[in-house]
Amino acid sequence: MPTKIRCSHILVEKQSLANEILEKIRNGGSFAALAEEYSMDGSRKRGGDLGFFGRGEMVKEFENAAFALNVGDVSSPVKTQFGYHIIKRTA
């Protein structure tokens, strides 16, 4: 099991918007372009890239979902205190 993984995410306020974005990704939309367009946090400038992180560095709901993904996988919307995340594991 890796000690550090790399992920990108898209953070939005509403689950309905997260579901719409996820549908666009599943239909071939660019994760990075959608992150730049929709995400509410500073990672949007990097296409949602959060870099490498280990356990204990992210809120629990995010961490659990991120570490459960395989490289290349995209999560369903994950609710945290910050909003709804769509997470893509990149490394």
N, C-alpha and C. Protein backbone atom coordinates (compact mmCIF):
# COMPACT_ATOMS: atom_id res chain seq x y z
N MET A 1 0.85 -1.18 0.00
CA MET A 1 0.00 0.00 0.00
C MET A 1 0.90 1.25 0.00
N PRO A 2 0.64 2.18 -0.91
CA PRO A 2 1.50 3.37 -0.97
C PRO A 2 1.30 4.26 0.25
N THR A 3 2.37 4.95 0.65
CA THR A 3 2.26 5.87 1.77
C THR A 3 1.82 7.24 1.29
N LYS A 4 2.11 7.56 0.00
CA LYS A 4 1.67 8.83 -0.57
C LYS A 4 1.04 8.57 -1.93
N ILE A 5 -0.01 9.32 -2.22
CA ILE A 5 -0.67 9.23 -3.51
C ILE A 5 -0.81 10.64 -4.07
N ARG A 6 -1.10 10.72 -5.35
CA ARG A 6 -1.32 12.03 -5.98
C ARG A 6 -2.72 12.04 -6.56
N CYS A 7 -3.44 13.13 -6.29
CA CYS A 7 -4.81 13.25 -6.76
C CYS A 7 -5.06 14.67 -7.28
N SER A 8 -6.09 14.75 -8.10
CA SER A 8 -6.67 16.02 -8.49
C SER A 8 -8.11 16.00 -8.00
N HIS A 9 -8.70 17.18 -7.84
CA HIS A 9 -10.10 17.19 -7.45
C HIS A 9 -10.81 18.39 -8.03
N ILE A 10 -12.12 18.30 -8.02
CA ILE A 10 -13.01 19.41 -8.36
C ILE A 10 -13.91 19.59 -7.15
N LEU A 11 -13.92 20.79 -6.59
CA LEU A 11 -14.71 21.08 -5.39
C LEU A 11 -15.82 22.06 -5.73
N VAL A 12 -17.07 21.66 -5.46
CA VAL A 12 -18.24 22.52 -5.69
C VAL A 12 -19.15 22.49 -4.46
N GLU A 13 -20.06 23.45 -4.41
CA GLU A 13 -20.96 23.55 -3.25
C GLU A 13 -22.11 22.55 -3.28
N LYS A 14 -22.65 22.28 -4.46
CA LYS A 14 -23.89 21.50 -4.55
C LYS A 14 -23.66 20.12 -5.16
N GLN A 15 -24.31 19.13 -4.57
CA GLN A 15 -24.21 17.77 -5.09
C GLN A 15 -24.74 17.68 -6.51
N SER A 16 -25.78 18.43 -6.83
CA SER A 16 -26.33 18.38 -8.18
C SER A 16 -25.30 18.82 -9.22
N LEU A 17 -24.53 19.87 -8.90
CA LEU A 17 -23.48 20.32 -9.82
C LEU A 17 -22.37 19.28 -9.91
N ALA A 18 -22.00 18.69 -8.79
CA ALA A 18 -20.98 17.64 -8.80
C ALA A 18 -21.41 16.49 -9.70
N ASN A 19 -22.68 16.11 -9.63
CA ASN A 19 -23.19 15.03 -10.48
C ASN A 19 -23.14 15.41 -11.96
N GLU A 20 -23.46 16.66 -12.27
CA GLU A 20 -23.40 17.14 -13.66
C GLU A 20 -21.96 17.08 -14.19
N ILE A 21 -21.01 17.53 -13.38
CA ILE A 21 -19.61 17.52 -13.79
C ILE A 21 -19.12 16.09 -13.97
N LEU A 22 -19.49 15.20 -13.06
CA LEU A 22 -19.09 13.81 -13.16
C LEU A 22 -19.62 13.20 -14.46
N GLU A 23 -20.82 13.54 -14.82
CA GLU A 23 -21.39 13.04 -16.08
C GLU A 23 -20.57 13.53 -17.28
N LYS A 24 -20.14 14.79 -17.24
CA LYS A 24 -19.30 15.33 -18.32
C LYS A 24 -17.98 14.58 -18.40
N ILE A 25 -17.38 14.25 -17.24
CA ILE A 25 -16.13 13.49 -17.22
C ILE A 25 -16.36 12.11 -17.82
N ARG A 26 -17.43 11.46 -17.41
CA ARG A 26 -17.73 10.11 -17.91
C ARG A 26 -18.01 10.11 -19.42
N ASN A 27 -18.43 11.24 -19.94
CA ASN A 27 -18.69 11.37 -21.38
C ASN A 27 -17.47 11.89 -22.13
N GLY A 28 -16.30 11.84 -21.50
CA GLY A 28 -15.07 12.19 -22.19
C GLY A 28 -14.54 13.59 -21.93
N GLY A 29 -15.17 14.34 -21.05
CA GLY A 29 -14.70 15.68 -20.73
C GLY A 29 -13.36 15.66 -20.02
N SER A 30 -12.57 16.68 -20.22
CA SER A 30 -11.26 16.79 -19.59
C SER A 30 -11.40 17.15 -18.12
N PHE A 31 -10.87 16.29 -17.25
CA PHE A 31 -10.94 16.55 -15.81
C PHE A 31 -10.30 17.89 -15.49
N ALA A 32 -9.11 18.14 -16.02
CA ALA A 32 -8.38 19.38 -15.73
C ALA A 32 -9.15 20.61 -16.20
N ALA A 33 -9.71 20.55 -17.39
CA ALA A 33 -10.47 21.70 -17.92
C ALA A 33 -11.71 21.95 -17.08
N LEU A 34 -12.38 20.89 -16.67
CA LEU A 34 -13.58 21.05 -15.83
C LEU A 34 -13.21 21.58 -14.45
N ALA A 35 -12.06 21.15 -13.92
CA ALA A 35 -11.59 21.69 -12.63
C ALA A 35 -11.33 23.19 -12.75
N GLU A 36 -10.68 23.60 -13.83
CA GLU A 36 -10.40 25.03 -14.02
C GLU A 36 -11.69 25.83 -14.13
N GLU A 37 -12.70 25.24 -14.75
CA GLU A 37 -13.97 25.95 -14.95
C GLU A 37 -14.83 26.01 -13.69
N TYR A 38 -14.89 24.91 -12.94
CA TYR A 38 -15.88 24.81 -11.87
C TYR A 38 -15.35 24.83 -10.43
N SER A 39 -14.13 24.37 -10.20
CA SER A 39 -13.69 24.16 -8.82
C SER A 39 -13.60 25.46 -8.04
N MET A 40 -13.94 25.39 -6.75
CA MET A 40 -14.01 26.59 -5.90
C MET A 40 -12.70 26.89 -5.17
N ASP A 41 -11.68 26.06 -5.32
CA ASP A 41 -10.47 26.30 -4.55
C ASP A 41 -9.28 26.64 -5.44
N GLY A 42 -8.16 26.93 -4.82
CA GLY A 42 -6.97 27.37 -5.52
C GLY A 42 -6.37 26.34 -6.47
N SER A 43 -6.69 25.07 -6.28
CA SER A 43 -6.13 24.03 -7.15
C SER A 43 -6.68 24.15 -8.58
N ARG A 44 -7.73 24.92 -8.75
CA ARG A 44 -8.32 25.07 -10.09
C ARG A 44 -7.30 25.59 -11.09
N LYS A 45 -6.36 26.42 -10.63
CA LYS A 45 -5.33 26.97 -11.52
C LYS A 45 -4.38 25.89 -12.02
N ARG A 46 -4.34 24.76 -11.33
CA ARG A 46 -3.48 23.63 -11.72
C ARG A 46 -4.31 22.47 -12.25
N GLY A 47 -5.50 22.75 -12.72
CA GLY A 47 -6.37 21.68 -13.22
C GLY A 47 -6.84 20.75 -12.13
N GLY A 48 -6.87 21.26 -10.90
CA GLY A 48 -7.33 20.46 -9.76
C GLY A 48 -6.24 19.68 -9.06
N ASP A 49 -5.00 19.76 -9.54
CA ASP A 49 -3.91 18.96 -8.97
C ASP A 49 -3.62 19.36 -7.53
N LEU A 50 -3.64 18.37 -6.64
CA LEU A 50 -3.34 18.58 -5.23
C LEU A 50 -1.93 18.12 -4.86
N GLY A 51 -1.21 17.53 -5.81
CA GLY A 51 0.11 17.01 -5.52
C GLY A 51 0.03 15.72 -4.73
N PHE A 52 1.18 15.32 -4.16
CA PHE A 52 1.26 14.10 -3.37
C PHE A 52 0.88 14.39 -1.92
N PHE A 53 0.19 13.44 -1.30
CA PHE A 53 -0.15 13.57 0.12
C PHE A 53 -0.26 12.18 0.72
N GLY A 54 -0.09 12.14 2.03
CA GLY A 54 -0.19 10.88 2.76
C GLY A 54 -1.41 10.86 3.65
N ARG A 55 -1.55 9.78 4.36
CA ARG A 55 -2.68 9.66 5.31
C ARG A 55 -2.53 10.70 6.41
N GLY A 56 -3.67 11.25 6.83
CA GLY A 56 -3.67 12.23 7.90
C GLY A 56 -3.50 13.67 7.43
N GLU A 57 -3.34 13.88 6.12
CA GLU A 57 -3.14 15.23 5.60
C GLU A 57 -4.43 15.86 5.06
N MET A 58 -5.42 15.05 4.76
CA MET A 58 -6.69 15.53 4.22
C MET A 58 -7.81 15.15 5.20
N VAL A 59 -8.97 15.79 5.05
CA VAL A 59 -10.10 15.41 5.89
C VAL A 59 -10.43 13.94 5.62
N LYS A 60 -10.95 13.26 6.63
CA LYS A 60 -11.12 11.80 6.61
C LYS A 60 -11.94 11.31 5.42
N GLU A 61 -13.06 11.97 5.12
CA GLU A 61 -13.91 11.50 4.02
C GLU A 61 -13.16 11.55 2.69
N PHE A 62 -12.40 12.64 2.50
CA PHE A 62 -11.62 12.79 1.27
C PHE A 62 -10.53 11.73 1.22
N GLU A 63 -9.80 11.59 2.31
CA GLU A 63 -8.71 10.62 2.38
C GLU A 63 -9.19 9.20 2.09
N ASN A 64 -10.28 8.80 2.74
CA ASN A 64 -10.80 7.44 2.55
C ASN A 64 -11.15 7.18 1.09
N ALA A 65 -11.81 8.15 0.46
CA ALA A 65 -12.20 7.99 -0.95
C ALA A 65 -10.97 7.97 -1.85
N ALA A 66 -10.02 8.87 -1.61
CA ALA A 66 -8.84 8.98 -2.46
C ALA A 66 -7.99 7.71 -2.41
N PHE A 67 -7.76 7.20 -1.21
CA PHE A 67 -6.92 6.01 -1.08
C PHE A 67 -7.61 4.75 -1.59
N ALA A 68 -8.93 4.78 -1.73
CA ALA A 68 -9.67 3.62 -2.25
C ALA A 68 -9.61 3.54 -3.78
N LEU A 69 -9.23 4.64 -4.43
CA LEU A 69 -9.18 4.69 -5.90
C LEU A 69 -7.91 4.03 -6.43
N ASN A 70 -8.00 3.49 -7.62
CA ASN A 70 -6.82 3.06 -8.36
C ASN A 70 -6.37 4.22 -9.23
N VAL A 71 -5.12 4.21 -9.66
CA VAL A 71 -4.61 5.27 -10.53
C VAL A 71 -5.48 5.34 -11.79
N GLY A 72 -5.93 6.56 -12.10
CA GLY A 72 -6.79 6.78 -13.25
C GLY A 72 -8.27 6.79 -12.93
N ASP A 73 -8.66 6.28 -11.75
CA ASP A 73 -10.06 6.23 -11.37
C ASP A 73 -10.56 7.62 -10.93
N VAL A 74 -11.86 7.83 -11.13
CA VAL A 74 -12.53 9.05 -10.70
C VAL A 74 -13.65 8.65 -9.74
N SER A 75 -13.73 9.35 -8.61
CA SER A 75 -14.73 9.01 -7.59
C SER A 75 -16.10 9.58 -7.95
N SER A 76 -17.11 9.03 -7.31
CA SER A 76 -18.41 9.69 -7.25
C SER A 76 -18.24 10.89 -6.31
N PRO A 77 -19.19 11.83 -6.29
CA PRO A 77 -19.05 12.98 -5.38
C PRO A 77 -18.88 12.55 -3.92
N VAL A 78 -17.91 13.17 -3.25
CA VAL A 78 -17.59 12.89 -1.85
C VAL A 78 -17.89 14.15 -1.05
N LYS A 79 -18.78 14.03 -0.06
CA LYS A 79 -19.17 15.19 0.75
C LYS A 79 -18.20 15.36 1.92
N THR A 80 -17.70 16.59 2.08
CA THR A 80 -16.90 16.96 3.25
C THR A 80 -17.45 18.28 3.77
N GLN A 81 -16.82 18.80 4.82
CA GLN A 81 -17.24 20.09 5.36
C GLN A 81 -17.02 21.23 4.36
N PHE A 82 -16.22 20.99 3.32
CA PHE A 82 -15.91 22.03 2.33
C PHE A 82 -16.88 22.04 1.16
N GLY A 83 -17.59 20.95 0.95
CA GLY A 83 -18.50 20.83 -0.18
C GLY A 83 -18.43 19.43 -0.76
N TYR A 84 -18.61 19.33 -2.08
CA TYR A 84 -18.60 18.05 -2.77
C TYR A 84 -17.38 17.97 -3.68
N HIS A 85 -16.60 16.91 -3.50
CA HIS A 85 -15.38 16.72 -4.27
C HIS A 85 -15.59 15.60 -5.28
N ILE A 86 -15.06 15.79 -6.47
CA ILE A 86 -14.86 14.69 -7.41
C ILE A 86 -13.35 14.50 -7.42
N ILE A 87 -12.91 13.30 -7.13
CA ILE A 87 -11.48 13.04 -6.94
C ILE A 87 -10.98 12.13 -8.06
N LYS A 88 -9.84 12.47 -8.62
CA LYS A 88 -9.17 11.62 -9.60
C LYS A 88 -7.79 11.27 -9.08
N ARG A 89 -7.52 9.98 -8.96
CA ARG A 89 -6.18 9.56 -8.51
C ARG A 89 -5.26 9.53 -9.73
N THR A 90 -4.17 10.26 -9.64
CA THR A 90 -3.28 10.41 -10.80
C THR A 90 -1.96 9.68 -10.65
N ALA A 91 -1.56 9.32 -9.43
CA ALA A 91 -0.31 8.56 -9.21
C ALA A 91 -0.34 7.94 -7.83
